[in-house]
């Protein structure tokens, strides 16, 4: 599929009445877990598109460009509203959060498994272990406070057990800054992967920041605030991979191409027939936006879209959300890595004076009192063990004990 070869619909066709925007939500008790995660993914993708368009507008003095961006942006927001309306009102904040973290795990694993650029892959694998741990912490909170069973939400697709412990994840901000990529030296799949994961992590951070003060229990509020800081670290790391030398209109074109790619991937992968038609509709609308972005690039910068995508417009391998248990288990073996400037090192290999230790100690204070640890302690005290979904023993021996939350792995040298 090459969206540049598709005939775009008329730009105004996207504007429609509210009854076609606010659609019927899915049934949270019947929905496939990956349908739920696609909804989250595309909501974040649309948010990123609106954010970029507004950013360009605020740094552009040409009102003709700004008008065309305003028209595209209005359409993107309509799409975002339609996608967001698929979430049912009876799905709790915490249930929705389990979907966010399942997406973070299986999306990151899917992108990493397909990534040819070794540096990008290392960043994906590094953050994957942290999102995997977040899923575990939120799952224990659900069992503890809502009496729910996270297994019903993730299906048989995703294991739930500790990753790099959240208390070990707080790094000095300088060590979340990565090298940037040269857009013209990397293939379309790498560029798509970076765009996709940056938007997804940005949406996750925004969600946690917005709901942290709405969550009912003090323990839950702690979890959302603590994990939101890690999500900001991920947004920094992934965002730094983007090429800062690309012009605003080149970025716009790449964003629209990403949306086309994702909506077509969702359409091909979706099991729910009704929601599948929404992905198809949005793909057709995004083709229109993509052609508009190409026209803006040609008119105002004298460039053709092939300069942004020199390999051509045909989509690379489509994104398919699938169970990635074996891949995640393999990556868990690197749980003791920490970030060191633009790279990663085993914690035992860094000097005792490295800034990670002082910064982590300052943020955690007494690690035994932080919410992401307390939730596991309380679950163990109430149920006799933590909540997990494991197909086999944990691949990291130090994290295998279900009656003790390990505060030292990847945080204390020699552990």
Protein backbone atom coordinates (compact mmCIF):
# COMPACT_ATOMS: atom_id res chain seq x y z
CA UNK A 1 0.00 0.00 0.00
CA UNK A 2 1.34 3.39 -1.05
CA UNK A 3 -0.84 6.26 0.30
CA UNK A 4 0.75 8.70 -2.14
CA UNK A 5 -0.82 6.71 -4.99
CA UNK A 6 -4.30 6.82 -3.39
CA UNK A 7 -6.69 9.46 -4.69
CA UNK A 8 -7.45 11.80 -1.76
CA UNK A 9 -11.01 12.66 -0.85
CA UNK A 10 -12.16 16.27 -0.64
CA UNK A 11 -10.77 18.00 2.44
CA UNK A 12 -14.17 19.14 3.74
CA UNK A 13 -15.63 15.62 3.77
CA UNK A 14 -14.16 15.01 7.23
CA UNK A 15 -16.39 17.70 8.76
CA UNK A 16 -19.58 16.03 9.93
CA UNK A 17 -22.33 16.10 12.58
CA UNK A 18 -21.81 15.04 16.18
CA UNK A 19 -23.78 11.81 15.79
CA UNK A 20 -21.08 10.62 13.40
CA UNK A 21 -18.26 11.75 15.65
CA UNK A 22 -19.35 10.47 19.07
CA UNK A 23 -19.72 6.79 18.22
CA UNK A 24 -20.85 3.84 20.31
CA UNK A 25 -18.17 2.67 22.78
CA UNK A 26 -16.87 -0.87 22.86
CA UNK A 27 -18.10 -3.26 25.55
CA UNK A 28 -15.30 -3.47 28.09
CA UNK A 29 -16.30 -7.02 29.03
CA UNK A 30 -16.23 -8.28 25.45
CA UNK A 31 -13.54 -6.22 23.71
CA UNK A 32 -10.35 -7.91 22.57
CA UNK A 33 -7.39 -6.52 24.56
CA UNK A 34 -5.65 -5.41 21.40
CA UNK A 35 -8.72 -3.50 20.21
CA UNK A 36 -8.53 -1.56 23.49
CA UNK A 37 -4.83 -0.90 22.98
CA UNK A 38 -5.36 0.22 19.36
CA UNK A 39 -7.84 2.80 20.62
CA UNK A 40 -5.22 4.09 23.04
CA UNK A 41 -2.52 4.06 20.37
CA UNK A 42 -4.55 6.02 17.84
CA UNK A 43 -5.76 8.51 20.41
CA UNK A 44 -2.12 9.27 21.21
CA UNK A 45 -1.22 9.43 17.53
CA UNK A 46 -3.94 12.00 16.89
CA UNK A 47 -2.86 14.03 19.91
CA UNK A 48 0.68 14.13 18.56
CA UNK A 49 -0.58 15.34 15.19
CA UNK A 50 -2.60 18.15 16.76
CA UNK A 51 0.34 19.09 19.00
CA UNK A 52 2.76 19.32 16.07
CA UNK A 53 0.34 21.33 13.95
CA UNK A 54 -0.17 23.85 16.74
CA UNK A 55 3.57 24.09 17.31
CA UNK A 56 4.21 24.84 13.64
CA UNK A 57 1.42 27.43 13.62
CA UNK A 58 2.92 29.25 16.61
CA UNK A 59 6.29 29.56 14.83
CA UNK A 60 4.95 30.44 11.37
CA UNK A 61 4.31 33.97 10.10
CA UNK A 62 2.52 32.90 6.90
CA UNK A 63 -1.25 32.96 7.42
CA UNK A 64 -1.91 30.94 4.27
CA UNK A 65 0.06 28.07 5.78
CA UNK A 66 -1.65 28.63 9.13
CA UNK A 67 -5.10 28.44 7.54
CA UNK A 68 -4.33 25.16 5.84
CA UNK A 69 -2.90 23.78 9.06
CA UNK A 70 -6.02 24.92 10.92
CA UNK A 71 -8.21 22.97 8.50
CA UNK A 72 -6.10 19.84 8.81
CA UNK A 73 -5.94 20.22 12.59
CA UNK A 74 -9.71 20.51 12.91
CA UNK A 75 -10.02 17.24 11.04
CA UNK A 76 -7.42 15.58 13.25
CA UNK A 77 -9.31 16.67 16.35
CA UNK A 78 -12.55 15.24 14.99
CA UNK A 79 -10.74 11.95 14.48
CA UNK A 80 -9.34 12.09 17.99
CA UNK A 81 -12.81 12.67 19.43
CA UNK A 82 -14.18 9.70 17.48
CA UNK A 83 -11.40 7.43 18.68
CA UNK A 84 -11.70 8.64 22.28
CA UNK A 85 -15.47 8.06 22.26
CA UNK A 86 -14.83 4.34 21.76
CA UNK A 87 -13.75 4.10 25.41
CA UNK A 88 -16.82 3.29 27.56
CA UNK A 89 -17.73 5.38 30.59
CA UNK A 90 -17.83 2.31 32.84
CA UNK A 91 -14.16 1.52 32.20
CA UNK A 92 -12.34 2.78 35.28
CA UNK A 93 -9.16 4.85 35.25
CA UNK A 94 -7.22 1.82 36.45
CA UNK A 95 -8.74 -0.54 33.89
CA UNK A 96 -7.83 1.93 31.17
CA UNK A 97 -4.33 2.18 32.64
CA UNK A 98 -3.82 -1.57 32.32
CA UNK A 99 -4.56 -1.07 28.62
CA UNK A 100 -1.98 1.72 28.43
CA UNK A 101 0.73 -0.45 29.94
CA UNK A 102 -0.16 -3.52 27.90
CA UNK A 103 0.16 -1.34 24.82
CA UNK A 104 3.50 0.01 26.07
CA UNK A 105 4.85 -3.52 26.51
CA UNK A 106 3.60 -5.20 23.35
CA UNK A 107 3.96 -2.17 21.08
CA UNK A 108 7.53 -1.51 22.23
CA UNK A 109 8.40 -5.18 21.84
CA UNK A 110 6.89 -5.25 18.33
CA UNK A 111 8.82 -2.17 17.26
CA UNK A 112 12.08 -3.39 18.81
CA UNK A 113 11.78 -6.82 17.21
CA UNK A 114 11.42 -5.17 13.79
CA UNK A 115 14.07 -2.47 14.27
CA UNK A 116 17.23 -2.56 12.13
CA UNK A 117 18.96 0.40 13.77
CA UNK A 118 20.83 -1.08 16.76
CA UNK A 119 20.85 2.21 18.69
CA UNK A 120 17.08 2.67 18.40
CA UNK A 121 16.55 -0.97 19.33
CA UNK A 122 18.63 -0.55 22.51
CA UNK A 123 16.52 2.43 23.57
CA UNK A 124 13.31 0.48 22.90
CA UNK A 125 14.52 -2.55 24.85
CA UNK A 126 15.74 -0.38 27.73
CA UNK A 127 12.40 1.39 28.19
CA UNK A 128 10.43 -1.81 27.57
CA UNK A 129 11.69 -3.26 30.87
CA UNK A 130 10.38 -0.23 32.73
CA UNK A 131 6.92 -0.22 31.16
CA UNK A 132 6.77 -3.95 31.88
CA UNK A 133 7.34 -3.21 35.56
CA UNK A 134 4.68 -0.49 35.53
CA UNK A 135 2.11 -2.99 34.28
CA UNK A 136 2.98 -5.21 37.25
CA UNK A 137 2.59 -2.37 39.78
CA UNK A 138 -0.76 -1.23 38.41
CA UNK A 139 -2.02 -4.83 38.25
CA UNK A 140 -1.28 -5.30 41.94
CA UNK A 141 -3.07 -2.02 42.69
CA UNK A 142 -6.11 -3.29 40.81
CA UNK A 143 -6.28 -6.56 42.73
CA UNK A 144 -5.68 -4.74 46.00
CA UNK A 145 -8.15 -1.85 45.65
CA UNK A 146 -10.71 -2.80 43.03
CA UNK A 147 -10.82 -6.55 43.50
CA UNK A 148 -10.47 -6.88 39.74
CA UNK A 149 -8.51 -9.43 37.78
CA UNK A 150 -6.05 -7.85 35.32
CA UNK A 151 -5.88 -11.19 33.49
CA UNK A 152 -9.33 -10.46 32.05
CA UNK A 153 -8.00 -7.22 30.60
CA UNK A 154 -4.73 -8.46 29.05
CA UNK A 155 -6.07 -11.85 27.94
CA UNK A 156 -3.44 -14.49 27.36
CA UNK A 157 -1.24 -12.08 25.43
CA UNK A 158 0.96 -10.46 28.07
CA UNK A 159 2.68 -11.77 31.18
CA UNK A 160 2.58 -9.65 34.33
CA UNK A 161 5.63 -9.76 36.62
CA UNK A 162 8.43 -7.41 37.72
CA UNK A 163 10.72 -5.74 35.22
CA UNK A 164 13.38 -3.19 36.14
CA UNK A 165 11.97 -2.11 39.53
CA UNK A 166 10.40 1.32 39.32
CA UNK A 167 12.49 2.58 42.26
CA UNK A 168 15.59 1.87 40.10
CA UNK A 169 14.31 3.80 37.10
CA UNK A 170 14.84 7.36 38.33
CA UNK A 171 17.92 8.64 36.48
CA UNK A 172 19.52 12.06 36.29
CA UNK A 173 17.89 14.00 33.42
CA UNK A 174 21.23 14.27 31.59
CA UNK A 175 21.22 10.49 31.08
CA UNK A 176 17.88 10.40 29.29
CA UNK A 177 19.22 12.46 26.37
CA UNK A 178 20.06 10.30 23.34
CA UNK A 179 21.89 10.89 20.07
CA UNK A 180 19.58 12.02 17.27
CA UNK A 181 19.16 10.20 13.99
CA UNK A 182 19.89 11.52 10.54
CA UNK A 183 16.48 11.17 8.93
CA UNK A 184 17.94 10.70 5.48
CA UNK A 185 20.23 7.82 6.48
CA UNK A 186 17.57 5.63 8.09
CA UNK A 187 14.86 3.60 6.43
CA UNK A 188 11.14 4.30 6.66
CA UNK A 189 10.56 1.63 9.30
CA UNK A 190 13.03 3.21 11.72
CA UNK A 191 11.51 6.66 11.17
CA UNK A 192 8.04 5.24 11.70
CA UNK A 193 9.10 3.38 14.83
CA UNK A 194 10.53 6.53 16.41
CA UNK A 195 7.46 8.58 15.52
CA UNK A 196 5.08 5.91 16.81
CA UNK A 197 6.76 5.28 20.16
CA UNK A 198 7.34 8.97 20.89
CA UNK A 199 3.64 9.74 20.41
CA UNK A 200 2.57 6.69 22.42
CA UNK A 201 4.79 7.56 25.38
CA UNK A 202 3.76 11.22 25.23
CA UNK A 203 0.12 10.17 25.43
CA UNK A 204 0.84 7.86 28.37
CA UNK A 205 2.63 10.62 30.28
CA UNK A 206 -0.21 13.07 29.57
CA UNK A 207 -2.82 10.56 30.75
CA UNK A 208 -1.03 9.84 34.02
CA UNK A 209 -0.41 13.54 34.68
CA UNK A 210 -4.09 14.30 34.06
CA UNK A 211 -5.58 11.49 36.18
CA UNK A 212 -3.09 11.42 39.07
CA UNK A 213 -5.07 13.97 41.08
CA UNK A 214 -8.39 12.32 40.17
CA UNK A 215 -7.56 8.86 41.50
CA UNK A 216 -9.47 8.12 44.70
CA UNK A 217 -6.88 6.49 46.96
CA UNK A 218 -3.65 8.08 48.24
CA UNK A 219 -1.74 4.96 47.21
CA UNK A 220 -3.05 5.16 43.66
CA UNK A 221 -2.24 8.87 43.46
CA UNK A 222 1.33 8.02 44.46
CA UNK A 223 1.62 5.40 41.74
CA UNK A 224 0.38 7.67 38.98
CA UNK A 225 2.64 10.54 40.03
CA UNK A 226 5.72 8.34 40.42
CA UNK A 227 5.26 6.47 37.15
CA UNK A 228 4.43 9.68 35.27
CA UNK A 229 7.97 10.86 35.98
CA UNK A 230 9.38 7.74 34.31
CA UNK A 231 7.11 8.27 31.33
CA UNK A 232 8.55 11.78 30.97
CA UNK A 233 12.01 10.22 30.96
CA UNK A 234 10.89 7.92 28.15
CA UNK A 235 9.42 10.83 26.17
CA UNK A 236 12.75 12.65 26.48
CA UNK A 237 14.73 9.60 25.35
CA UNK A 238 12.53 8.79 22.38
CA UNK A 239 12.01 12.40 21.37
CA UNK A 240 15.77 12.97 21.26
CA UNK A 241 16.03 10.30 18.55
CA UNK A 242 14.14 12.53 16.11
CA UNK A 243 16.19 14.49 13.61
CA UNK A 244 16.17 18.17 14.75
CA UNK A 245 17.39 19.25 11.31
CA UNK A 246 14.10 18.36 9.62
CA UNK A 247 12.03 21.40 8.72
CA UNK A 248 8.57 21.85 10.27
CA UNK A 249 6.83 20.90 7.00
CA UNK A 250 9.03 17.82 6.61
CA UNK A 251 8.00 16.81 10.14
CA UNK A 252 4.37 17.42 9.21
CA UNK A 253 4.63 15.14 6.21
CA UNK A 254 6.31 12.42 8.26
CA UNK A 255 3.60 12.66 10.91
CA UNK A 256 0.83 12.33 8.34
CA UNK A 257 2.60 9.36 6.75
CA UNK A 258 2.84 7.77 10.21
CA UNK A 259 -0.90 8.23 10.74
CA UNK A 260 -1.66 6.63 7.38
CA UNK A 261 0.60 3.72 8.23
CA UNK A 262 -0.95 3.16 11.65
CA UNK A 263 -4.57 3.44 10.56
CA UNK A 264 -3.93 1.01 7.71
CA UNK A 265 -2.16 -1.35 10.13
CA UNK A 266 -5.11 -1.11 12.53
CA UNK A 267 -7.54 -1.75 9.69
CA UNK A 268 -5.67 -4.86 8.57
CA UNK A 269 -5.32 -6.19 12.13
CA UNK A 270 -8.71 -5.34 13.68
CA UNK A 271 -11.14 -8.11 14.69
CA UNK A 272 -14.13 -5.91 15.55
CA UNK A 273 -15.98 -5.26 12.26
CA UNK A 274 -17.55 -1.98 13.43
CA UNK A 275 -14.29 -0.51 14.67
CA UNK A 276 -12.51 -1.80 11.57
CA UNK A 277 -14.69 0.54 9.48
CA UNK A 278 -13.56 3.48 11.64
CA UNK A 279 -9.91 2.65 11.01
CA UNK A 280 -10.65 2.46 7.29
CA UNK A 281 -12.47 5.79 7.33
CA UNK A 282 -9.63 7.46 9.19
CA UNK A 283 -7.05 6.02 6.82
CA UNK A 284 -8.89 7.58 3.89
CA UNK A 285 -9.06 10.90 5.71
CA UNK A 286 -5.36 10.76 6.55
CA UNK A 287 -4.51 10.17 2.90
CA UNK A 288 -6.11 13.56 2.26
CA UNK A 289 -3.99 15.13 5.02
CA UNK A 290 -0.85 13.46 3.67
CA UNK A 291 -1.41 14.88 0.20
CA UNK A 292 -2.08 18.30 1.72
CA UNK A 293 1.19 18.08 3.66
CA UNK A 294 3.05 17.11 0.47
CA UNK A 295 1.53 20.11 -1.31
CA UNK A 296 2.58 22.46 1.51
CA UNK A 297 6.12 21.05 1.38
CA UNK A 298 6.30 21.52 -2.39
CA UNK A 299 4.71 24.99 -2.43
CA UNK A 300 6.55 26.62 0.46
CA UNK A 301 9.86 24.76 0.64
CA UNK A 302 10.29 23.63 -2.97
CA UNK A 303 10.73 20.00 -1.92
CA UNK A 304 9.05 16.77 -2.98
CA UNK A 305 7.88 14.16 -0.50
CA UNK A 306 10.47 11.70 -1.86
CA UNK A 307 13.15 13.80 -0.16
CA UNK A 308 11.62 12.84 3.19
CA UNK A 309 10.94 9.24 2.16
CA UNK A 310 13.65 8.48 -0.42
CA UNK A 311 12.81 4.75 -0.47
CA UNK A 312 9.33 5.53 -1.73
CA UNK A 313 5.89 5.72 -0.16
CA UNK A 314 4.98 2.03 -0.02
CA UNK A 315 4.44 0.97 3.57
CA UNK A 316 7.07 -1.29 5.15
CA UNK A 317 5.87 -4.31 7.14
CA UNK A 318 2.66 -3.34 8.90
CA UNK A 319 2.41 -3.10 12.66
CA UNK A 320 0.68 -6.12 14.20
CA UNK A 321 -0.04 -6.26 17.91
CA UNK A 322 0.77 -9.80 18.99
CA UNK A 323 1.85 -11.60 22.14
CA UNK A 324 5.60 -11.02 22.60
CA UNK A 325 6.22 -13.06 25.74
CA UNK A 326 9.39 -14.76 24.51
CA UNK A 327 10.86 -11.49 23.31
CA UNK A 328 10.16 -9.74 26.62
CA UNK A 329 11.64 -12.63 28.58
CA UNK A 330 14.81 -12.34 26.53
CA UNK A 331 15.08 -8.61 27.15
CA UNK A 332 14.56 -9.09 30.90
CA UNK A 333 18.08 -10.48 31.10
CA UNK A 334 19.37 -6.91 30.67
CA UNK A 335 17.38 -5.63 33.65
CA UNK A 336 20.53 -4.34 35.42
CA UNK A 337 21.37 -1.80 32.70
CA UNK A 338 21.28 1.90 33.46
CA UNK A 339 21.63 4.90 31.15
CA UNK A 340 24.96 6.71 30.97
CA UNK A 341 24.75 9.88 28.86
CA UNK A 342 23.91 8.67 25.32
CA UNK A 343 24.54 5.00 26.09
CA UNK A 344 23.77 2.19 28.53
CA UNK A 345 25.96 0.30 31.01
CA UNK A 346 25.58 -2.43 33.59
CA UNK A 347 25.08 -0.72 36.94
CA UNK A 348 28.04 -2.60 38.43
CA UNK A 349 30.32 -1.11 35.75
CA UNK A 350 29.67 2.57 36.54
CA UNK A 351 31.75 4.46 39.15
CA UNK A 352 30.38 4.78 42.68
CA UNK A 353 30.47 8.54 42.18
CA UNK A 354 28.24 8.44 39.10
CA UNK A 355 25.35 10.94 39.35
CA UNK A 356 22.71 8.20 39.10
CA UNK A 357 23.18 7.16 42.72
CA UNK A 358 22.80 10.61 44.30
CA UNK A 359 19.88 11.54 42.06
CA UNK A 360 18.03 8.26 42.63
CA UNK A 361 18.50 8.53 46.39
CA UNK A 362 17.19 12.10 46.39
CA UNK A 363 14.05 11.21 44.40
CA UNK A 364 13.22 8.04 46.31
CA UNK A 365 14.08 9.25 49.79
CA UNK A 366 13.40 6.06 51.72
CA UNK A 367 12.57 3.55 48.94
CA UNK A 368 10.49 1.51 51.38
CA UNK A 369 7.96 4.36 51.54
CA UNK A 370 7.36 5.03 47.85
CA UNK A 371 4.02 4.04 46.34
CA UNK A 372 5.34 1.67 43.69
CA UNK A 373 6.94 -0.42 46.42
CA UNK A 374 4.20 -0.01 49.02
CA UNK A 375 1.55 -1.36 46.65
CA UNK A 376 3.44 -4.65 46.35
CA UNK A 377 4.03 -4.87 50.10
CA UNK A 378 0.35 -4.33 50.78
CA UNK A 379 -0.66 -6.93 48.18
CA UNK A 380 1.71 -9.49 49.71
CA UNK A 381 0.42 -8.71 53.20
CA UNK A 382 -3.20 -9.14 52.09
CA UNK A 383 -2.95 -12.09 49.70
CA UNK A 384 0.23 -13.85 50.80
CA UNK A 385 1.98 -13.08 47.52
CA UNK A 386 2.03 -10.47 44.77
CA UNK A 387 -0.16 -10.54 41.66
CA UNK A 388 1.46 -12.08 38.63
CA UNK A 389 0.62 -13.84 35.38
CA UNK A 390 3.56 -16.06 34.52
CA UNK A 391 3.87 -18.89 32.03
CA UNK A 392 7.06 -20.01 33.76
CA UNK A 393 9.48 -18.95 36.49
CA UNK A 394 10.75 -15.38 36.25
CA UNK A 395 13.91 -15.40 34.09
CA UNK A 396 15.75 -13.18 36.61
CA UNK A 397 16.33 -15.10 39.83
CA UNK A 398 16.49 -11.96 41.96
CA UNK A 399 12.94 -11.06 40.86
CA UNK A 400 11.41 -14.52 41.23
CA UNK A 401 10.33 -14.26 44.89
CA UNK A 402 6.59 -13.50 45.02
CA UNK A 403 6.72 -12.71 48.74
CA UNK A 404 9.30 -9.91 48.58
CA UNK A 405 9.56 -6.83 46.41
CA UNK A 406 13.20 -6.40 45.43
CA UNK A 407 14.34 -2.79 45.89
CA UNK A 408 17.97 -3.40 44.98
CA UNK A 409 18.09 -4.86 41.45
CA UNK A 410 19.43 -2.23 39.02
CA UNK A 411 19.65 0.31 41.87
CA UNK A 412 22.33 -1.08 44.19
CA UNK A 413 25.64 -2.34 42.87
CA UNK A 414 26.31 -6.03 43.34
CA UNK A 415 22.62 -6.96 43.58
